[in-house]
Protein backbone atom coordinates (compact mmCIF):
# COMPACT_ATOMS: atom_id res chain seq x y z
CA MET A 1 81.69 110.75 108.56
CA ILE A 2 83.09 107.71 106.78
CA GLU A 3 86.73 107.79 105.69
CA ILE A 4 88.86 105.13 104.04
CA SER A 5 92.48 105.14 105.18
CA ASN A 6 95.12 103.50 103.03
CA TYR A 7 98.22 102.00 104.65
CA ASN A 8 101.19 100.86 102.60
CA ALA A 9 104.93 100.59 103.25
CA SER A 10 105.55 104.27 102.43
CA SER A 11 102.64 105.59 104.50
CA LEU A 12 102.96 103.14 107.36
CA THR A 13 101.89 104.37 110.77
CA HIS A 14 104.05 103.42 113.75
CA GLN A 15 102.43 100.59 115.72
CA LEU A 16 99.67 100.10 113.13
CA HIS A 17 98.65 96.81 114.72
CA SER A 18 98.02 98.51 118.08
CA LYS A 19 96.25 101.45 116.46
CA ILE A 20 93.81 99.13 114.68
CA LEU A 21 93.19 96.94 117.72
CA ASN A 22 92.40 100.02 119.82
CA ARG A 23 89.64 100.98 117.35
CA VAL A 24 87.89 97.64 116.89
CA LYS A 25 86.01 95.09 118.93
CA LEU A 26 87.16 91.54 118.25
CA SER A 27 84.81 88.58 118.50
CA ASP A 28 83.44 87.60 121.90
CA ASP A 29 84.60 84.04 121.17
CA THR A 30 88.13 83.92 122.65
CA ASN A 31 89.45 81.46 120.05
CA LEU A 32 88.11 83.54 117.17
CA ALA A 33 89.35 86.78 118.78
CA SER A 34 92.82 85.26 119.09
CA ARG A 35 92.78 84.35 115.37
CA GLU A 36 91.53 87.82 114.43
CA ASN A 37 94.32 89.40 116.47
CA ALA A 38 96.91 87.15 114.80
CA PHE A 39 95.57 87.94 111.31
CA ILE A 40 95.60 91.69 111.95
CA LYS A 41 99.13 91.51 113.34
CA ASP A 42 100.29 89.47 110.31
CA ILE A 43 98.63 91.86 107.84
CA CYS A 44 100.32 94.86 109.49
CA LYS A 45 103.66 93.04 109.20
CA ARG A 46 102.98 92.42 105.49
CA VAL A 47 102.14 96.09 104.99
CA LYS A 48 105.51 97.01 106.47
CA GLN A 49 107.21 94.56 104.07
CA SER A 50 105.39 96.00 100.99
CA LYS A 51 103.55 92.72 100.48
CA THR A 52 100.01 94.08 100.92
CA VAL A 53 98.08 97.34 101.10
CA LEU A 54 95.56 97.82 103.88
CA TYR A 55 92.36 99.84 103.60
CA VAL A 56 90.51 100.70 106.81
CA ILE A 57 86.98 102.07 106.82
CA GLU A 58 86.63 104.48 109.72
CA ASP A 59 83.81 106.45 111.26
CA ASN A 60 85.26 109.07 113.62
CA ASN A 61 87.66 107.12 115.86
CA ASP A 62 86.01 103.76 115.19
CA SER A 63 87.23 101.28 112.60
CA ILE A 64 84.25 99.61 110.95
CA GLY A 65 86.31 97.11 109.00
CA LEU A 66 89.37 96.53 106.87
CA VAL A 67 90.50 94.79 103.73
CA ALA A 68 94.08 93.91 102.76
CA LEU A 69 94.95 93.51 99.07
CA SER A 70 97.99 92.19 97.22
CA THR A 71 98.87 90.95 93.75
CA THR A 72 99.28 87.36 92.65
CA SER A 73 98.61 85.23 89.58
CA PHE A 74 96.16 82.48 88.81
CA GLU A 75 96.63 80.22 85.79
CA GLU A 76 99.21 82.71 84.50
CA GLN A 77 96.65 85.52 84.77
CA PRO A 78 97.48 88.55 86.91
CA SER A 79 95.09 88.79 89.82
CA LEU A 80 94.31 90.86 92.87
CA GLN A 81 94.13 88.88 96.10
CA ILE A 82 92.09 89.66 99.17
CA ASP A 83 94.52 88.75 101.93
CA TYR A 84 92.10 89.50 104.76
CA ILE A 85 88.71 91.05 105.39
CA PHE A 86 87.74 91.93 108.94
CA VAL A 87 84.59 93.59 110.25
CA ASN A 88 84.52 95.11 113.72
CA ASP A 89 82.34 92.84 115.85
CA LYS A 90 79.93 95.62 116.78
CA TYR A 91 79.17 96.30 113.08
CA ARG A 92 78.82 92.68 111.89
CA GLY A 93 75.51 92.10 110.16
CA LEU A 94 74.38 95.73 110.39
CA VAL A 95 73.06 97.48 107.30
CA MET A 96 74.67 100.93 107.38
CA ASN A 97 73.32 104.00 105.58
CA GLU A 98 76.86 105.39 105.53
CA LEU A 99 78.01 102.38 103.49
CA ASP A 100 75.45 102.77 100.70
CA ASN A 101 72.90 100.77 102.72
CA CYS A 102 75.18 97.71 102.79
CA LYS A 103 76.52 95.52 105.51
CA PRO A 104 80.24 96.22 106.10
CA PHE A 105 81.31 92.81 104.75
CA ARG A 106 79.48 93.34 101.45
CA TYR A 107 80.80 96.91 101.25
CA LEU A 108 84.41 95.73 101.74
CA VAL A 109 84.03 93.06 99.05
CA GLY A 110 82.54 95.66 96.70
CA PHE A 111 85.39 98.02 97.53
CA ALA A 112 87.94 95.32 96.63
CA ILE A 113 86.11 94.61 93.35
CA ASN A 114 86.14 98.35 92.52
CA ILE A 115 89.89 98.57 93.20
CA ALA A 116 90.45 95.50 91.00
CA ASN A 117 88.41 97.05 88.19
CA GLU A 118 90.40 100.30 88.47
CA ILE A 119 93.69 98.40 88.28
CA LYS A 120 92.35 96.42 85.34
CA GLN A 121 92.06 99.67 83.38
CA VAL A 122 95.79 100.33 83.83
CA VAL A 123 97.36 96.86 83.72
CA GLY A 124 96.12 93.40 82.84
CA LEU A 125 94.02 91.87 85.59
CA ARG A 126 91.46 89.09 85.30
CA TYR A 127 90.50 87.79 88.77
CA LEU A 128 89.96 88.73 92.36
CA LEU A 129 91.10 85.78 94.52
CA LEU A 130 90.81 84.82 98.16
CA SER A 131 91.30 81.88 100.47
CA PRO A 132 88.42 81.67 102.96
CA ASP A 133 89.30 80.65 106.50
CA SER A 134 86.25 78.40 106.97
CA ASP A 135 83.31 76.75 105.22
CA GLU A 136 81.05 79.39 106.78
CA LEU A 137 83.09 82.11 105.05
CA LYS A 138 82.98 80.19 101.77
CA GLU A 139 79.20 80.44 101.88
CA LYS A 140 79.37 84.19 102.55
CA TYR A 141 81.66 84.69 99.55
CA LYS A 142 79.36 82.62 97.33
CA GLN A 143 76.60 85.09 98.22
CA VAL A 144 78.71 87.88 96.67
CA ASP A 145 79.38 85.90 93.46
CA PHE A 146 82.72 84.24 94.25
CA LYS A 147 83.15 80.76 92.79
CA GLU A 148 85.10 77.86 94.22
CA LEU A 149 88.39 77.18 92.49
CA ASN A 150 89.43 74.27 94.73
CA ASP A 151 89.23 73.39 98.43
CA ASP A 152 91.35 76.39 99.43
CA TRP A 153 90.69 79.16 96.90
CA MET A 154 87.79 81.14 95.48
CA TYR A 155 87.69 83.62 92.61
CA PHE A 156 85.62 86.45 91.20
CA LYS A 157 86.04 87.03 87.47
CA LEU A 158 86.34 90.73 86.69
CA LYS A 159 84.18 92.08 83.88
């Protein structure tokens, strides 16, 4: 059964970084796995500092993927920022019935958009922003309707 766990500074689990790493498979590429490990460790540190909120999609004792969200502004417009999206290596590219027949990446992006739209109903919010780590990721985000802002940033305009 799919569950979404929310981790923030007030609900922080001791050794969150270790807990997550014990439930995921990092990339087989050692350089990429090292970067993934560093990103997850950094995100857990930011959660502890109240700088981001982490959502983890879990199926039993397996973490399918995670998304970390924080607030920022873009052109003086309040925005929600995707700090990091990670999909467990063994689920990458799989269409999952449990995730509304989506691949985990697309589900996590949709989840972030839904959160942004919920926040937009309570406070002003115009964009969902992110800074892709590579050109390959830029192309993936373009497939889910993000637009390039500049060399480093992409945005999704909320409706």
